[in-house]
C-alpha atoms as a PDB file:
ATOM      1  CA  UNK A   1     206.203 339.760 124.488  1.00  0.00           C
ATOM      2  CA  UNK A   2     205.206 340.124 120.421  1.00  0.00           C
ATOM      3  CA  UNK A   3     205.982 342.715 119.083  1.00  0.00           C
ATOM      4  CA  UNK A   4     202.560 344.571 117.393  1.00  0.00           C
ATOM      5  CA  UNK A   5     204.356 347.387 115.412  1.00  0.00           C
ATOM      6  CA  UNK A   6     205.103 344.494 112.238  1.00  0.00           C
ATOM      7  CA  UNK A   7     200.759 343.746 112.406  1.00  0.00           C
ATOM      8  CA  UNK A   8     200.457 347.467 112.160  1.00  0.00           C
ATOM      9  CA  UNK A   9     202.251 348.177 108.899  1.00  0.00           C
ATOM     10  CA  UNK A  10     200.817 345.508 107.354  1.00  0.00           C
ATOM     11  CA  UNK A  11     197.418 346.963 108.031  1.00  0.00           C
ATOM     12  CA  UNK A  12     198.876 350.218 107.303  1.00  0.00           C
ATOM     13  CA  UNK A  13     199.705 348.824 103.992  1.00  0.00           C
ATOM     14  CA  UNK A  14     196.611 346.907 103.277  1.00  0.00           C
ATOM     15  CA  UNK A  15     194.827 349.997 103.427  1.00  0.00           C
ATOM     16  CA  UNK A  16     196.663 352.075 101.246  1.00  0.00           C
ATOM     17  CA  UNK A  17     196.649 349.228  98.817  1.00  0.00           C
ATOM     18  CA  UNK A  18     192.700 348.953  99.202  1.00  0.00           C
ATOM     19  CA  UNK A  19     192.972 352.774  99.120  1.00  0.00           C
ATOM     20  CA  UNK A  20     194.661 353.092  95.796  1.00  0.00           C
ATOM     21  CA  UNK A  21     192.487 350.017  93.997  1.00  0.00           C
ATOM     22  CA  UNK A  22     189.202 352.419  94.893  1.00  0.00           C
ATOM     23  CA  UNK A  23     190.106 355.350  93.582  1.00  0.00           C
ATOM     24  CA  UNK A  24     191.652 354.381  90.319  1.00  0.00           C
ATOM     25  CA  UNK A  25     188.498 351.866  89.887  1.00  0.00           C
ATOM     26  CA  UNK A  26     186.146 355.131  89.114  1.00  0.00           C
ATOM     27  CA  UNK A  27     188.228 355.398  85.472  1.00  0.00           C
ATOM     28  CA  UNK A  28     188.195 351.058  85.232  1.00  0.00           C
ATOM     29  CA  UNK A  29     185.442 349.923  83.014  1.00  0.00           C
ATOM     30  CA  UNK A  30     184.690 346.733  81.885  1.00  0.00           C
ATOM     31  CA  UNK A  31     184.830 345.850  78.488  1.00  0.00           C
ATOM     32  CA  UNK A  32     182.104 343.162  76.707  1.00  0.00           C
ATOM     33  CA  UNK A  33     182.665 341.920  72.712  1.00  0.00           C
ATOM     34  CA  UNK A  34     182.241 339.193  70.820  1.00  0.00           C
ATOM     35  CA  UNK A  35     182.779 336.102  73.506  1.00  0.00           C
ATOM     36  CA  UNK A  36     184.956 337.783  75.168  1.00  0.00           C
ATOM     37  CA  UNK A  37     185.401 340.057  78.720  1.00  0.00           C
ATOM     38  CA  UNK A  38     188.126 342.391  79.609  1.00  0.00           C
ATOM     39  CA  UNK A  39     189.114 345.642  80.736  1.00  0.00           C
ATOM     40  CA  UNK A  40     189.890 349.248  80.083  1.00  0.00           C
ATOM     41  CA  UNK A  41     190.428 352.417  81.761  1.00  0.00           C
ATOM     42  CA  UNK A  42     189.321 356.416  80.525  1.00  0.00           C
ATOM     43  CA  UNK A  43     192.395 357.877  78.662  1.00  0.00           C
ATOM     44  CA  UNK A  44     190.621 360.882  77.929  1.00  0.00           C
ATOM     45  CA  UNK A  45     186.439 362.210  78.132  1.00  0.00           C
ATOM     46  CA  UNK A  46     184.741 359.723  76.263  1.00  0.00           C
ATOM     47  CA  UNK A  47     187.933 357.670  74.925  1.00  0.00           C
ATOM     48  CA  UNK A  48     188.334 354.279  76.279  1.00  0.00           C
ATOM     49  CA  UNK A  49     192.045 352.508  75.708  1.00  0.00           C
ATOM     50  CA  UNK A  50     191.931 348.705  76.054  1.00  0.00           C
ATOM     51  CA  UNK A  51     193.965 345.696  74.609  1.00  0.00           C
ATOM     52  CA  UNK A  52     193.749 345.024  71.600  1.00  0.00           C
ATOM     53  CA  UNK A  53     194.646 341.090  71.802  1.00  0.00           C
ATOM     54  CA  UNK A  54     191.008 340.714  74.421  1.00  0.00           C
ATOM     55  CA  UNK A  55     189.134 342.802  71.744  1.00  0.00           C
ATOM     56  CA  UNK A  56     187.096 340.494  69.157  1.00  0.00           C
ATOM     57  CA  UNK A  57     187.796 341.103  65.677  1.00  0.00           C
ATOM     58  CA  UNK A  58     183.725 342.569  64.942  1.00  0.00           C
ATOM     59  CA  UNK A  59     180.879 342.503  66.372  1.00  0.00           C
ATOM     60  CA  UNK A  60     179.337 345.172  69.363  1.00  0.00           C
ATOM     61  CA  UNK A  61     181.111 346.581  71.440  1.00  0.00           C
ATOM     62  CA  UNK A  62     179.732 347.581  75.101  1.00  0.00           C
ATOM     63  CA  UNK A  63     181.478 348.946  78.271  1.00  0.00           C
ATOM     64  CA  UNK A  64     180.264 348.592  82.112  1.00  0.00           C
ATOM     65  CA  UNK A  65     181.013 351.976  83.730  1.00  0.00           C
ATOM     66  CA  UNK A  66     181.805 352.069  87.870  1.00  0.00           C
ATOM     67  CA  UNK A  67     178.377 352.692  88.058  1.00  0.00           C
ATOM     68  CA  UNK A  68     176.601 350.118  86.852  1.00  0.00           C
ATOM     69  CA  UNK A  69     175.235 351.774  83.440  1.00  0.00           C
ATOM     70  CA  UNK A  70     176.093 349.698  79.830  1.00  0.00           C
ATOM     71  CA  UNK A  71     177.139 351.855  77.332  1.00  0.00           C
ATOM     72  CA  UNK A  72     177.563 351.176  73.394  1.00  0.00           C
ATOM     73  CA  UNK A  73     181.265 352.163  72.555  1.00  0.00           C
ATOM     74  CA  UNK A  74     182.505 352.095  69.136  1.00  0.00           C
ATOM     75  CA  UNK A  75     186.709 350.888  67.572  1.00  0.00           C
ATOM     76  CA  UNK A  76     188.069 354.329  66.932  1.00  0.00           C
ATOM     77  CA  UNK A  77     191.017 352.379  66.306  1.00  0.00           C
ATOM     78  CA  UNK A  78     193.311 349.161  67.049  1.00  0.00           C
ATOM     79  CA  UNK A  79     196.721 348.643  66.705  1.00  0.00           C
ATOM     80  CA  UNK A  80     198.202 344.755  67.591  1.00  0.00           C
ATOM     81  CA  UNK A  81     202.002 345.709  67.657  1.00  0.00           C
ATOM     82  CA  UNK A  82     201.905 347.242  70.282  1.00  0.00           C
ATOM     83  CA  UNK A  83     198.304 345.483  72.241  1.00  0.00           C
ATOM     84  CA  UNK A  84     196.467 349.106  71.516  1.00  0.00           C
ATOM     85  CA  UNK A  85     192.900 349.525  70.983  1.00  0.00           C
ATOM     86  CA  UNK A  86     191.248 353.103  71.491  1.00  0.00           C
ATOM     87  CA  UNK A  87     187.355 352.751  72.153  1.00  0.00           C
ATOM     88  CA  UNK A  88     184.747 355.900  71.704  1.00  0.00           C
ATOM     89  CA  UNK A  89     182.037 356.111  74.349  1.00  0.00           C
ATOM     90  CA  UNK A  90     180.529 359.676  74.910  1.00  0.00           C
ATOM     91  CA  UNK A  91     177.988 358.475  77.756  1.00  0.00           C
ATOM     92  CA  UNK A  92     180.479 356.881  79.793  1.00  0.00           C
ATOM     93  CA  UNK A  93     180.766 359.332  82.862  1.00  0.00           C
ATOM     94  CA  UNK A  94     184.054 358.606  84.501  1.00  0.00           C
ATOM     95  CA  UNK A  95     186.704 360.409  84.938  1.00  0.00           C
ATOM     96  CA  UNK A  96     190.323 360.369  82.842  1.00  0.00           C
ATOM     97  CA  UNK A  97     193.063 358.127  84.819  1.00  0.00           C
ATOM     98  CA  UNK A  98     196.655 360.188  84.228  1.00  0.00           C
ATOM     99  CA  UNK A  99     199.304 357.855  82.627  1.00  0.00           C
ATOM    100  CA  UNK A 100     203.036 358.369  84.495  1.00  0.00           C
ATOM    101  CA  UNK A 101     206.377 357.107  82.525  1.00  0.00           C
ATOM    102  CA  UNK A 102     208.159 356.530  85.819  1.00  0.00           C
ATOM    103  CA  UNK A 103     211.320 354.870  86.943  1.00  0.00           C
ATOM    104  CA  UNK A 104     210.532 351.096  87.623  1.00  0.00           C
ATOM    105  CA  UNK A 105     212.736 348.893  89.502  1.00  0.00           C
ATOM    106  CA  UNK A 106     212.864 344.560  90.209  1.00  0.00           C
ATOM    107  CA  UNK A 107     211.354 343.936  92.929  1.00  0.00           C
ATOM    108  CA  UNK A 108     208.661 346.853  93.486  1.00  0.00           C
ATOM    109  CA  UNK A 109     205.232 346.192  94.372  1.00  0.00           C
ATOM    110  CA  UNK A 110     202.517 346.286  92.340  1.00  0.00           C
ATOM    111  CA  UNK A 111     199.003 346.158  91.409  1.00  0.00           C
ATOM    112  CA  UNK A 112     196.666 344.941  88.448  1.00  0.00           C
ATOM    113  CA  UNK A 113     192.988 346.521  88.331  1.00  0.00           C
ATOM    114  CA  UNK A 114     190.444 346.104  86.182  1.00  0.00           C
ATOM    115  CA  UNK A 115     186.879 345.492  85.986  1.00  0.00           C
ATOM    116  CA  UNK A 116     184.468 343.065  86.274  1.00  0.00           C
ATOM    117  CA  UNK A 117     180.840 344.580  85.423  1.00  0.00           C
ATOM    118  CA  UNK A 118     180.883 347.153  87.609  1.00  0.00           C
ATOM    119  CA  UNK A 119     183.203 346.005  90.481  1.00  0.00           C
ATOM    120  CA  UNK A 120     186.798 346.033  90.736  1.00  0.00           C
ATOM    121  CA  UNK A 121     189.222 343.631  90.237  1.00  0.00           C
ATOM    122  CA  UNK A 122     192.839 343.853  91.904  1.00  0.00           C
ATOM    123  CA  UNK A 123     195.634 341.534  91.539  1.00  0.00           C
ATOM    124  CA  UNK A 124     199.526 342.106  94.159  1.00  0.00           C
ATOM    125  CA  UNK A 125     202.286 341.615  93.000  1.00  0.00           C
ATOM    126  CA  UNK A 126     205.690 342.630  92.277  1.00  0.00           C
ATOM    127  CA  UNK A 127     207.468 343.646  89.263  1.00  0.00           C
ATOM    128  CA  UNK A 128     209.651 341.108  88.216  1.00  0.00           C
ATOM    129  CA  UNK A 129     211.986 342.418  85.420  1.00  0.00           C
ATOM    130  CA  UNK A 130     212.545 345.844  83.741  1.00  0.00           C
ATOM    131  CA  UNK A 131     214.646 346.166  80.736  1.00  0.00           C
ATOM    132  CA  UNK A 132     214.817 348.544  77.904  1.00  0.00           C
ATOM    133  CA  UNK A 133     212.522 349.266  74.622  1.00  0.00           C
ATOM    134  CA  UNK A 134     211.897 346.426  73.169  1.00  0.00           C
ATOM    135  CA  UNK A 135     209.751 345.067  69.688  1.00  0.00           C
ATOM    136  CA  UNK A 136     207.007 342.779  69.823  1.00  0.00           C
ATOM    137  CA  UNK A 137     206.597 339.912  67.941  1.00  0.00           C
ATOM    138  CA  UNK A 138     204.133 341.190  65.415  1.00  0.00           C
ATOM    139  CA  UNK A 139     206.935 344.546  64.652  1.00  0.00           C
ATOM    140  CA  UNK A 140     205.658 346.720  67.043  1.00  0.00           C
ATOM    141  CA  UNK A 141     208.143 349.711  69.168  1.00  0.00           C
ATOM    142  CA  UNK A 142     207.547 349.297  72.816  1.00  0.00           C
ATOM    143  CA  UNK A 143     209.194 351.661  75.361  1.00  0.00           C
ATOM    144  CA  UNK A 144     210.064 349.726  77.932  1.00  0.00           C
ATOM    145  CA  UNK A 145     209.759 346.277  78.902  1.00  0.00           C
ATOM    146  CA  UNK A 146     208.801 345.575  82.546  1.00  0.00           C
ATOM    147  CA  UNK A 147     206.779 342.189  83.527  1.00  0.00           C
ATOM    148  CA  UNK A 148     204.546 341.807  86.841  1.00  0.00           C
ATOM    149  CA  UNK A 149     205.014 338.304  89.266  1.00  0.00           C
ATOM    150  CA  UNK A 150     200.983 338.079  89.833  1.00  0.00           C
ATOM    151  CA  UNK A 151     198.293 336.236  88.884  1.00  0.00           C
ATOM    152  CA  UNK A 152     196.429 338.250  86.455  1.00  0.00           C
ATOM    153  CA  UNK A 153     192.541 337.626  85.396  1.00  0.00           C
ATOM    154  CA  UNK A 154     191.280 337.028  82.259  1.00  0.00           C
ATOM    155  CA  UNK A 155     188.826 339.820  82.447  1.00  0.00           C
ATOM    156  CA  UNK A 156     191.650 342.178  83.707  1.00  0.00           C
ATOM    157  CA  UNK A 157     193.348 342.154  80.410  1.00  0.00           C
ATOM    158  CA  UNK A 158     193.360 345.875  79.803  1.00  0.00           C
ATOM    159  CA  UNK A 159     193.341 347.025  83.086  1.00  0.00           C
ATOM    160  CA  UNK A 160     196.044 349.477  84.877  1.00  0.00           C
ATOM    161  CA  UNK A 161     198.848 348.772  86.263  1.00  0.00           C
ATOM    162  CA  UNK A 162     199.573 350.651  89.731  1.00  0.00           C
ATOM    163  CA  UNK A 163     202.527 351.393  91.709  1.00  0.00           C
ATOM    164  CA  UNK A 164     201.822 351.150  95.676  1.00  0.00           C
ATOM    165  CA  UNK A 165     201.008 354.903  95.465  1.00  0.00           C
ATOM    166  CA  UNK A 166     198.307 354.419  93.065  1.00  0.00           C
ATOM    167  CA  UNK A 167     199.731 355.979  90.212  1.00  0.00           C
ATOM    168  CA  UNK A 168     199.068 354.294  86.712  1.00  0.00           C
ATOM    169  CA  UNK A 169     201.945 353.573  85.198  1.00  0.00           C
ATOM    170  CA  UNK A 170     200.858 351.327  82.088  1.00  0.00           C
ATOM    171  CA  UNK A 171     197.971 348.829  80.843  1.00  0.00           C
ATOM    172  CA  UNK A 172     198.190 344.827  82.226  1.00  0.00           C
ATOM    173  CA  UNK A 173     198.291 342.629  78.774  1.00  0.00           C
ATOM    174  CA  UNK A 174     199.336 338.648  78.492  1.00  0.00           C
ATOM    175  CA  UNK A 175     202.375 337.904  77.229  1.00  0.00           C
ATOM    176  CA  UNK A 176     203.582 334.892  75.946  1.00  0.00           C
ATOM    177  CA  UNK A 177     202.824 331.839  77.995  1.00  0.00           C
ATOM    178  CA  UNK A 178     200.526 334.114  80.545  1.00  0.00           C
ATOM    179  CA  UNK A 179     203.765 336.489  81.381  1.00  0.00           C
ATOM    180  CA  UNK A 180     201.908 339.722  82.583  1.00  0.00           C
ATOM    181  CA  UNK A 181     203.163 342.376  80.607  1.00  0.00           C
ATOM    182  CA  UNK A 182     202.780 346.213  80.969  1.00  0.00           C
ATOM    183  CA  UNK A 183     202.220 348.467  77.856  1.00  0.00           C
ATOM    184  CA  UNK A 184     204.188 351.166  79.462  1.00  0.00           C
ATOM    185  CA  UNK A 185     202.333 355.136  79.513  1.00  0.00           C
ATOM    186  CA  UNK A 186     204.939 356.406  76.587  1.00  0.00           C
ATOM    187  CA  UNK A 187     203.547 353.264  74.586  1.00  0.00           C
ATOM    188  CA  UNK A 188     200.050 354.695  75.669  1.00  0.00           C
ATOM    189  CA  UNK A 189     200.279 358.477  74.820  1.00  0.00           C
ATOM    190  CA  UNK A 190     201.829 357.902  71.599  1.00  0.00           C
ATOM    191  CA  UNK A 191     199.941 354.708  70.175  1.00  0.00           C
ATOM    192  CA  UNK A 192     196.485 356.748  71.381  1.00  0.00           C
ATOM    193  CA  UNK A 193     197.103 359.781  69.756  1.00  0.00           C
ATOM    194  CA  UNK A 194     197.543 358.508  66.228  1.00  0.00           C
ATOM    195  CA  UNK A 195     194.572 356.034  66.625  1.00  0.00           C
ATOM    196  CA  UNK A 196     192.796 359.228  67.878  1.00  0.00           C
ATOM    197  CA  UNK A 197     193.836 361.521  65.063  1.00  0.00           C
ATOM    198  CA  UNK A 198     194.350 359.014  62.213  1.00  0.00           C
ATOM    199  CA  UNK A 199     192.297 355.730  63.083  1.00  0.00           C
ATOM    200  CA  UNK A 200     195.653 353.328  62.465  1.00  0.00           C
ATOM    201  CA  UNK A 201     198.986 352.827  62.511  1.00  0.00           C
ATOM    202  CA  UNK A 202     201.067 353.382  59.298  1.00  0.00           C
ATOM    203  CA  UNK A 203     203.046 350.225  58.634  1.00  0.00           C
ATOM    204  CA  UNK A 204     205.951 349.812  56.104  1.00  0.00           C
ATOM    205  CA  UNK A 205     204.672 347.671  53.112  1.00  0.00           C
ATOM    206  CA  UNK A 206     207.229 347.223  50.723  1.00  0.00           C
ATOM    207  CA  UNK A 207     204.316 344.488  48.165  1.00  0.00           C
ATOM    208  CA  UNK A 208     206.527 341.712  47.971  1.00  0.00           C
ATOM    209  CA  UNK A 209     205.547 338.318  49.222  1.00  0.00           C
ATOM    210  CA  UNK A 210     208.744 337.011  50.601  1.00  0.00           C
ATOM    211  CA  UNK A 211     209.690 333.263  52.013  1.00  0.00           C
ATOM    212  CA  UNK A 212     213.141 332.525  53.062  1.00  0.00           C
ATOM    213  CA  UNK A 213     216.192 330.460  50.671  1.00  0.00           C
ATOM    214  CA  UNK A 214     219.590 329.522  50.998  1.00  0.00           C
ATOM    215  CA  UNK A 215     221.984 330.971  49.459  1.00  0.00           C
ATOM    216  CA  UNK A 216     224.435 328.695  47.453  1.00  0.00           C
ATOM    217  CA  UNK A 217     227.897 328.785  48.468  1.00  0.00           C
ATOM    218  CA  UNK A 218     227.941 330.128  51.665  1.00  0.00           C
ATOM    219  CA  UNK A 219     224.983 328.711  53.668  1.00  0.00           C
ATOM    220  CA  UNK A 220     223.080 331.902  54.327  1.00  0.00           C
ATOM    221  CA  UNK A 221     219.250 333.438  54.277  1.00  0.00           C
ATOM    222  CA  UNK A 222     217.934 335.123  51.428  1.00  0.00           C
ATOM    223  CA  UNK A 223     214.726 336.125  50.451  1.00  0.00           C
ATOM    224  CA  UNK A 224     212.996 335.088  47.659  1.00  0.00           C
ATOM    225  CA  UNK A 225     210.151 336.942  46.066  1.00  0.00           C
ATOM    226  CA  UNK A 226     207.052 335.166  45.663  1.00  0.00           C
ATOM    227  CA  UNK A 227     203.975 337.323  44.484  1.00  0.00           C
ATOM    228  CA  UNK A 228     204.485 341.216  43.345  1.00  0.00           C
ATOM    229  CA  UNK A 229     201.762 343.439  44.166  1.00  0.00           C
ATOM    230  CA  UNK A 230     201.556 345.390  40.586  1.00  0.00           C
ATOM    231  CA  UNK A 231     200.893 348.900  42.072  1.00  0.00           C
ATOM    232  CA  UNK A 232     203.160 348.270  45.438  1.00  0.00           C
ATOM    233  CA  UNK A 233     206.792 349.497  45.585  1.00  0.00           C
ATOM    234  CA  UNK A 234     208.547 345.938  44.507  1.00  0.00           C
ATOM    235  CA  UNK A 235     206.734 346.398  41.919  1.00  0.00           C
ATOM    236  CA  UNK A 236     207.655 350.197  41.120  1.00  0.00           C
ATOM    237  CA  UNK A 237     211.556 349.679  41.803  1.00  0.00           C
ATOM    238  CA  UNK A 238     211.691 347.084  39.148  1.00  0.00           C
ATOM    239  CA  UNK A 239     211.389 343.539  41.503  1.00  0.00           C
ATOM    240  CA  UNK A 240     210.147 340.522  39.907  1.00  0.00           C
ATOM    241  CA  UNK A 241     209.192 337.739  40.658  1.00  0.00           C
ATOM    242  CA  UNK A 242     210.981 334.733  41.064  1.00  0.00           C
ATOM    243  CA  UNK A 243     213.825 337.116  42.497  1.00  0.00           C
ATOM    244  CA  UNK A 244     216.173 336.429  45.008  1.00  0.00           C
ATOM    245  CA  UNK A 245     217.186 339.348  47.543  1.00  0.00           C
ATOM    246  CA  UNK A 246     220.681 338.500  48.625  1.00  0.00           C
ATOM    247  CA  UNK A 247     221.650 341.871  51.052  1.00  0.00           C
ATOM    248  CA  UNK A 248     218.825 344.443  52.350  1.00  0.00           C
ATOM    249  CA  UNK A 249     220.945 347.617  52.445  1.00  0.00           C
ATOM    250  CA  UNK A 250     224.435 346.016  52.467  1.00  0.00           C
ATOM    251  CA  UNK A 251     223.908 343.440  55.078  1.00  0.00           C
ATOM    252  CA  UNK A 252     222.607 339.846  55.082  1.00  0.00           C
ATOM    253  CA  UNK A 253     219.008 339.007  55.900  1.00  0.00           C
ATOM    254  CA  UNK A 254     218.848 336.704  59.055  1.00  0.00           C
ATOM    255  CA  UNK A 255     215.302 336.305  59.045  1.00  0.00           C
ATOM    256  CA  UNK A 256     212.469 336.903  56.642  1.00  0.00           C
ATOM    257  CA  UNK A 257     210.123 337.728  59.377  1.00  0.00           C
ATOM    258  CA  UNK A 258     212.004 339.377  61.354  1.00  0.00           C
ATOM    259  CA  UNK A 259     212.217 341.671  58.430  1.00  0.00           C
ATOM    260  CA  UNK A 260     208.821 342.331  57.873  1.00  0.00           C
ATOM    261  CA  UNK A 261     207.750 342.841  61.367  1.00  0.00           C
ATOM    262  CA  UNK A 262     210.700 345.513  61.258  1.00  0.00           C
ATOM    263  CA  UNK A 263     208.308 346.849  58.987  1.00  0.00           C
ATOM    264  CA  UNK A 264     206.955 349.748  61.197  1.00  0.00           C
ATOM    265  CA  UNK A 265     205.991 353.162  60.955  1.00  0.00           C
ATOM    266  CA  UNK A 266     209.193 354.975  61.126  1.00  0.00           C
ATOM    267  CA  UNK A 267     209.874 353.004  57.929  1.00  0.00           C
ATOM    268  CA  UNK A 268     207.642 354.477  56.000  1.00  0.00           C
ATOM    269  CA  UNK A 269     209.255 356.604  52.972  1.00  0.00           C
ATOM    270  CA  UNK A 270     212.264 355.208  53.470  1.00  0.00           C
ATOM    271  CA  UNK A 271     213.940 353.984  50.390  1.00  0.00           C
ATOM    272  CA  UNK A 272     216.605 350.824  50.996  1.00  0.00           C
ATOM    273  CA  UNK A 273     218.984 349.367  48.428  1.00  0.00           C
ATOM    274  CA  UNK A 274     218.651 345.396  47.583  1.00  0.00           C
ATOM    275  CA  UNK A 275     220.761 343.292  46.015  1.00  0.00           C
ATOM    276  CA  UNK A 276     218.919 340.769  44.069  1.00  0.00           C
ATOM    277  CA  UNK A 277     220.041 337.438  42.234  1.00  0.00           C
ATOM    278  CA  UNK A 278     218.193 337.225  39.129  1.00  0.00           C
ATOM    279  CA  UNK A 279     218.434 334.076  37.098  1.00  0.00           C
ATOM    280  CA  UNK A 280     222.292 334.086  38.217  1.00  0.00           C
ATOM    281  CA  UNK A 281     222.888 337.595  37.412  1.00  0.00           C
ATOM    282  CA  UNK A 282     223.166 340.322  40.618  1.00  0.00           C
ATOM    283  CA  UNK A 283     221.003 343.640  40.211  1.00  0.00           C
ATOM    284  CA  UNK A 284     220.742 346.106  42.469  1.00  0.00           C
ATOM    285  CA  UNK A 285     217.339 348.186  42.987  1.00  0.00           C
ATOM    286  CA  UNK A 286     216.463 351.434  45.438  1.00  0.00           C
ATOM    287  CA  UNK A 287     212.623 350.635  46.958  1.00  0.00           C
ATOM    288  CA  UNK A 288     211.104 353.279  48.796  1.00  0.00           C
ATOM    289  CA  UNK A 289     209.234 351.273  51.458  1.00  0.00           C
ATOM    290  CA  UNK A 290     205.308 352.441  50.929  1.00  0.00           C
ATOM    291  CA  UNK A 291     202.145 352.775  53.984  1.00  0.00           C
ATOM    292  CA  UNK A 292     200.229 348.867  53.688  1.00  0.00           C
ATOM    293  CA  UNK A 293     196.891 349.185  52.739  1.00  0.00           C
ATOM    294  CA  UNK A 294     193.807 348.966  55.110  1.00  0.00           C
ATOM    295  CA  UNK A 295     193.114 345.990  53.458  1.00  0.00           C
END
């Protein structure tokens, strides 16, 4: 005689997952921008967090609430480096969802919940990888790397990542090769808070156009100064077009693009020592990193 317990356990799990989706769906909205459909969630009353990558660069933005009402939204600010955008829509009458930082383990079951029109969409899978804090390809500081093994619809990007008890621990976005990544709660709270207050995330600025160049003799990499902003930090430090940056703070430059991506919010105001080669002459300058202009 077969044992009905496993089937009953599966039904209980199914009911628990459905209940978790239904509960959090009250806070999830569909985000419509030019040629783009994605999801978002109510972070604070009148404020919606969504995935920056899924949001059109310009044009009108509208939201469809769980009740089916359409509301216009305005952009508060966006941070491409962490893939977080913050919208304002005072007419969206939906509860804010509490985000929780939690300890996750590979193999734990997980849900992704988004919205298509006023109906929830969900995907079920597992946490496939958990790692430490990391820096995105655009230089954003992400407080932990979490990858999910599940099939996420395009319209679900910007939705919530849940554990099986229904607790939201971040936002689901697409990574390289359609990997499903989670922007964790701690990152969202930090970045969305700054966007709410300042409308933007400060980025470091050198005022220099740099290009990788081979160093004579040892096969190392330097940074050739191709252009200088006359009002930027580099010009103020005395850096000139044609200079070759040999060392950065006493260390070799391994990759120019990595160096520039590392100019995050924490770099603004820091001073760095540059070892330059100018017409064969060695020169040392001190540069104070500025804040990148909005343009």
